[in-house]
Amino acid sequence: MPNDVFTELCKEIVVKYFNEHSDKTDKRIIAKEDVFIVWSCKTLQNNKALVSTTVSDGMYYEITHNGDKQETYVDAYKKWENFTVK
């Protein structure tokens, strides 16, 4: 899948996921303009992207497209903490 097509697909997936899973009491829905690609790459027939939104909820999404199987996998993560180990 071309990388530009994949990144647009990623945005659509995250919008749909967020709007279906966000707390309804927040009364917040997002559009593709609220989603951004942090990092993406294409290796051979496969694509991967790290995706986030403008919502400060600590969520980020890892989306992988398997070009052999024509399947796309989504991992949704919540950032709990960021600390330094010395």
N, C-alpha and C. Protein backbone atom coordinates (compact mmCIF):
# COMPACT_ATOMS: atom_id res chain seq x y z
N MET A 1 0.85 -1.17 0.00
CA MET A 1 0.00 0.00 0.00
C MET A 1 0.90 1.24 0.00
N PRO A 2 0.66 2.19 -0.87
CA PRO A 2 1.46 3.42 -0.85
C PRO A 2 1.36 4.12 0.51
N ASN A 3 2.46 4.73 0.95
CA ASN A 3 2.50 5.30 2.29
C ASN A 3 1.46 6.41 2.49
N ASP A 4 1.19 7.23 1.47
CA ASP A 4 0.20 8.29 1.63
C ASP A 4 -1.20 7.71 1.81
N VAL A 5 -1.51 6.63 1.13
CA VAL A 5 -2.80 5.96 1.30
C VAL A 5 -2.88 5.35 2.70
N PHE A 6 -1.79 4.74 3.13
CA PHE A 6 -1.75 4.12 4.46
C PHE A 6 -1.95 5.16 5.57
N THR A 7 -1.27 6.30 5.49
CA THR A 7 -1.41 7.30 6.55
C THR A 7 -2.83 7.86 6.60
N GLU A 8 -3.48 8.01 5.46
CA GLU A 8 -4.88 8.45 5.47
C GLU A 8 -5.77 7.39 6.10
N LEU A 9 -5.50 6.11 5.81
CA LEU A 9 -6.23 5.02 6.43
C LEU A 9 -6.04 5.04 7.94
N CYS A 10 -4.81 5.27 8.39
CA CYS A 10 -4.53 5.35 9.83
C CYS A 10 -5.37 6.43 10.49
N LYS A 11 -5.45 7.59 9.89
CA LYS A 11 -6.25 8.68 10.45
C LYS A 11 -7.72 8.29 10.55
N GLU A 12 -8.24 7.65 9.51
CA GLU A 12 -9.64 7.21 9.53
C GLU A 12 -9.87 6.19 10.63
N ILE A 13 -8.94 5.26 10.80
CA ILE A 13 -9.07 4.23 11.84
C ILE A 13 -9.09 4.87 13.22
N VAL A 14 -8.18 5.81 13.48
CA VAL A 14 -8.10 6.44 14.80
C VAL A 14 -9.34 7.28 15.08
N VAL A 15 -9.82 8.01 14.09
CA VAL A 15 -11.05 8.80 14.28
C VAL A 15 -12.20 7.88 14.66
N LYS A 16 -12.37 6.80 13.92
CA LYS A 16 -13.46 5.86 14.20
C LYS A 16 -13.31 5.25 15.59
N TYR A 17 -12.10 4.81 15.92
CA TYR A 17 -11.86 4.20 17.23
C TYR A 17 -12.16 5.19 18.35
N PHE A 18 -11.60 6.39 18.25
CA PHE A 18 -11.80 7.39 19.31
C PHE A 18 -13.27 7.71 19.48
N ASN A 19 -13.96 7.97 18.39
CA ASN A 19 -15.36 8.38 18.48
C ASN A 19 -16.27 7.27 18.99
N GLU A 20 -15.87 6.02 18.80
CA GLU A 20 -16.65 4.89 19.32
C GLU A 20 -16.31 4.56 20.77
N HIS A 21 -15.09 4.89 21.23
CA HIS A 21 -14.65 4.47 22.55
C HIS A 21 -14.48 5.59 23.57
N SER A 22 -14.57 6.83 23.15
CA SER A 22 -14.38 7.93 24.11
C SER A 22 -15.57 8.00 25.07
N ASP A 23 -15.31 8.54 26.23
CA ASP A 23 -16.34 8.69 27.25
C ASP A 23 -17.42 9.63 26.74
N LYS A 24 -18.63 9.15 26.65
CA LYS A 24 -19.73 9.96 26.09
C LYS A 24 -20.02 11.20 26.92
N THR A 25 -19.66 11.17 28.20
CA THR A 25 -19.90 12.35 29.04
C THR A 25 -18.95 13.49 28.69
N ASP A 26 -17.84 13.17 27.99
CA ASP A 26 -16.93 14.23 27.55
C ASP A 26 -17.51 15.02 26.38
N LYS A 27 -18.49 14.42 25.71
CA LYS A 27 -19.14 15.07 24.56
C LYS A 27 -18.11 15.58 23.56
N ARG A 28 -17.15 14.72 23.23
CA ARG A 28 -16.07 15.10 22.32
C ARG A 28 -15.99 14.09 21.19
N ILE A 29 -16.02 14.57 19.98
CA ILE A 29 -15.73 13.74 18.83
C ILE A 29 -14.60 14.41 18.06
N ILE A 30 -13.85 13.62 17.34
CA ILE A 30 -12.73 14.18 16.59
C ILE A 30 -12.93 13.94 15.09
N ALA A 31 -12.19 14.69 14.30
CA ALA A 31 -12.16 14.53 12.85
C ALA A 31 -10.72 14.22 12.44
N LYS A 32 -10.52 13.92 11.16
CA LYS A 32 -9.17 13.59 10.68
C LYS A 32 -8.18 14.71 10.94
N GLU A 33 -8.65 15.94 10.99
CA GLU A 33 -7.77 17.08 11.25
C GLU A 33 -7.19 17.05 12.66
N ASP A 34 -7.80 16.26 13.56
CA ASP A 34 -7.34 16.15 14.95
C ASP A 34 -6.34 15.01 15.14
N VAL A 35 -6.02 14.31 14.08
CA VAL A 35 -5.13 13.15 14.14
C VAL A 35 -3.83 13.48 13.42
N PHE A 36 -2.70 13.07 14.01
CA PHE A 36 -1.43 13.30 13.34
C PHE A 36 -0.54 12.06 13.41
N ILE A 37 0.28 11.94 12.40
CA ILE A 37 1.21 10.82 12.30
C ILE A 37 2.51 11.23 12.98
N VAL A 38 2.89 10.50 14.03
CA VAL A 38 4.14 10.77 14.74
C VAL A 38 5.32 10.21 13.95
N TRP A 39 5.14 9.01 13.41
CA TRP A 39 6.21 8.32 12.68
C TRP A 39 5.56 7.29 11.78
N SER A 40 6.12 7.08 10.60
CA SER A 40 5.63 6.01 9.74
C SER A 40 6.77 5.50 8.87
N CYS A 41 6.63 4.25 8.43
CA CYS A 41 7.61 3.70 7.50
C CYS A 41 6.94 2.63 6.64
N LYS A 42 7.57 2.37 5.52
CA LYS A 42 7.15 1.29 4.63
C LYS A 42 8.38 0.44 4.36
N THR A 43 8.26 -0.85 4.64
CA THR A 43 9.34 -1.79 4.37
C THR A 43 8.77 -2.92 3.53
N LEU A 44 9.30 -3.05 2.32
CA LEU A 44 8.79 -4.01 1.35
C LEU A 44 7.29 -3.77 1.16
N GLN A 45 6.45 -4.75 1.46
CA GLN A 45 5.02 -4.59 1.26
C GLN A 45 4.28 -4.21 2.54
N ASN A 46 4.99 -3.91 3.62
CA ASN A 46 4.38 -3.64 4.92
C ASN A 46 4.50 -2.17 5.30
N ASN A 47 3.53 -1.70 6.09
CA ASN A 47 3.53 -0.32 6.59
C ASN A 47 3.34 -0.34 8.10
N LYS A 48 3.91 0.66 8.76
CA LYS A 48 3.70 0.83 10.20
C LYS A 48 3.68 2.32 10.49
N ALA A 49 2.82 2.72 11.45
CA ALA A 49 2.75 4.12 11.86
C ALA A 49 2.42 4.22 13.34
N LEU A 50 2.98 5.24 13.97
CA LEU A 50 2.60 5.64 15.32
C LEU A 50 1.76 6.89 15.16
N VAL A 51 0.59 6.88 15.77
CA VAL A 51 -0.41 7.92 15.53
C VAL A 51 -0.91 8.46 16.86
N SER A 52 -1.20 9.75 16.91
CA SER A 52 -1.77 10.36 18.10
C SER A 52 -2.82 11.38 17.68
N THR A 53 -3.44 12.02 18.68
CA THR A 53 -4.47 13.02 18.40
C THR A 53 -4.18 14.29 19.19
N THR A 54 -4.93 15.32 18.91
CA THR A 54 -4.80 16.57 19.64
C THR A 54 -5.48 16.52 21.01
N VAL A 55 -6.17 15.43 21.30
CA VAL A 55 -6.83 15.26 22.60
C VAL A 55 -5.77 14.87 23.63
N SER A 56 -5.74 15.55 24.75
CA SER A 56 -4.72 15.26 25.78
C SER A 56 -5.20 14.15 26.72
N ASP A 57 -5.37 12.95 26.14
CA ASP A 57 -5.85 11.81 26.92
C ASP A 57 -4.77 10.75 27.14
N GLY A 58 -3.55 11.01 26.66
CA GLY A 58 -2.45 10.07 26.85
C GLY A 58 -2.48 8.86 25.94
N MET A 59 -3.38 8.83 24.97
CA MET A 59 -3.49 7.68 24.07
C MET A 59 -2.56 7.84 22.87
N TYR A 60 -2.02 6.71 22.42
CA TYR A 60 -1.38 6.69 21.11
C TYR A 60 -1.66 5.33 20.48
N TYR A 61 -1.49 5.27 19.19
CA TYR A 61 -1.92 4.11 18.41
C TYR A 61 -0.78 3.64 17.52
N GLU A 62 -0.58 2.33 17.51
CA GLU A 62 0.39 1.72 16.61
C GLU A 62 -0.41 0.94 15.58
N ILE A 63 -0.25 1.29 14.32
CA ILE A 63 -1.03 0.66 13.25
C ILE A 63 -0.07 0.02 12.26
N THR A 64 -0.30 -1.26 11.98
CA THR A 64 0.56 -2.04 11.10
C THR A 64 -0.28 -2.64 9.99
N HIS A 65 0.19 -2.50 8.76
CA HIS A 65 -0.48 -3.14 7.62
C HIS A 65 0.40 -4.26 7.10
N ASN A 66 -0.13 -5.48 7.08
CA ASN A 66 0.56 -6.65 6.56
C ASN A 66 0.19 -6.76 5.08
N GLY A 67 1.14 -6.42 4.22
CA GLY A 67 0.89 -6.43 2.79
C GLY A 67 0.67 -7.81 2.21
N ASP A 68 1.23 -8.85 2.83
CA ASP A 68 1.03 -10.21 2.34
C ASP A 68 -0.41 -10.67 2.55
N LYS A 69 -0.96 -10.37 3.72
CA LYS A 69 -2.31 -10.81 4.06
C LYS A 69 -3.38 -9.75 3.80
N GLN A 70 -2.94 -8.53 3.45
CA GLN A 70 -3.86 -7.41 3.27
C GLN A 70 -4.72 -7.22 4.53
N GLU A 71 -4.04 -7.26 5.69
CA GLU A 71 -4.69 -7.05 6.98
C GLU A 71 -4.02 -5.88 7.67
N THR A 72 -4.81 -5.15 8.45
CA THR A 72 -4.29 -4.02 9.21
C THR A 72 -4.57 -4.27 10.68
N TYR A 73 -3.55 -4.09 11.52
CA TYR A 73 -3.65 -4.36 12.95
C TYR A 73 -3.51 -3.04 13.71
N VAL A 74 -4.29 -2.90 14.77
CA VAL A 74 -4.27 -1.68 15.56
C VAL A 74 -3.99 -2.03 17.02
N ASP A 75 -3.00 -1.35 17.60
CA ASP A 75 -2.74 -1.43 19.04
C ASP A 75 -3.01 -0.04 19.60
N ALA A 76 -3.87 0.04 20.61
CA ALA A 76 -4.18 1.31 21.26
C ALA A 76 -3.54 1.29 22.64
N TYR A 77 -2.74 2.31 22.93
CA TYR A 77 -1.98 2.38 24.18
C TYR A 77 -2.34 3.63 24.97
N LYS A 78 -2.24 3.52 26.28
CA LYS A 78 -2.41 4.66 27.18
C LYS A 78 -1.08 4.88 27.90
N LYS A 79 -0.57 6.08 27.79
CA LYS A 79 0.68 6.41 28.48
C LYS A 79 0.38 6.65 29.96
N TRP A 80 1.02 5.87 30.80
CA TRP A 80 0.79 5.99 32.24
C TRP A 80 1.81 6.90 32.90
N GLU A 81 3.05 6.81 32.44
CA GLU A 81 4.09 7.55 33.15
C GLU A 81 5.31 7.68 32.25
N ASN A 82 6.07 8.71 32.50
CA ASN A 82 7.34 8.92 31.82
C ASN A 82 8.36 9.27 32.90
N PHE A 83 9.41 8.46 33.03
CA PHE A 83 10.41 8.74 34.06
C PHE A 83 11.79 8.36 33.56
N THR A 84 12.80 8.88 34.23
CA THR A 84 14.19 8.65 33.86
C THR A 84 14.82 7.62 34.78
N VAL A 85 15.59 6.71 34.21
CA VAL A 85 16.35 5.72 34.97
C VAL A 85 17.82 6.03 34.74
N LYS A 86 18.58 6.20 35.83
CA LYS A 86 20.01 6.51 35.71
C LYS A 86 20.85 5.40 36.28
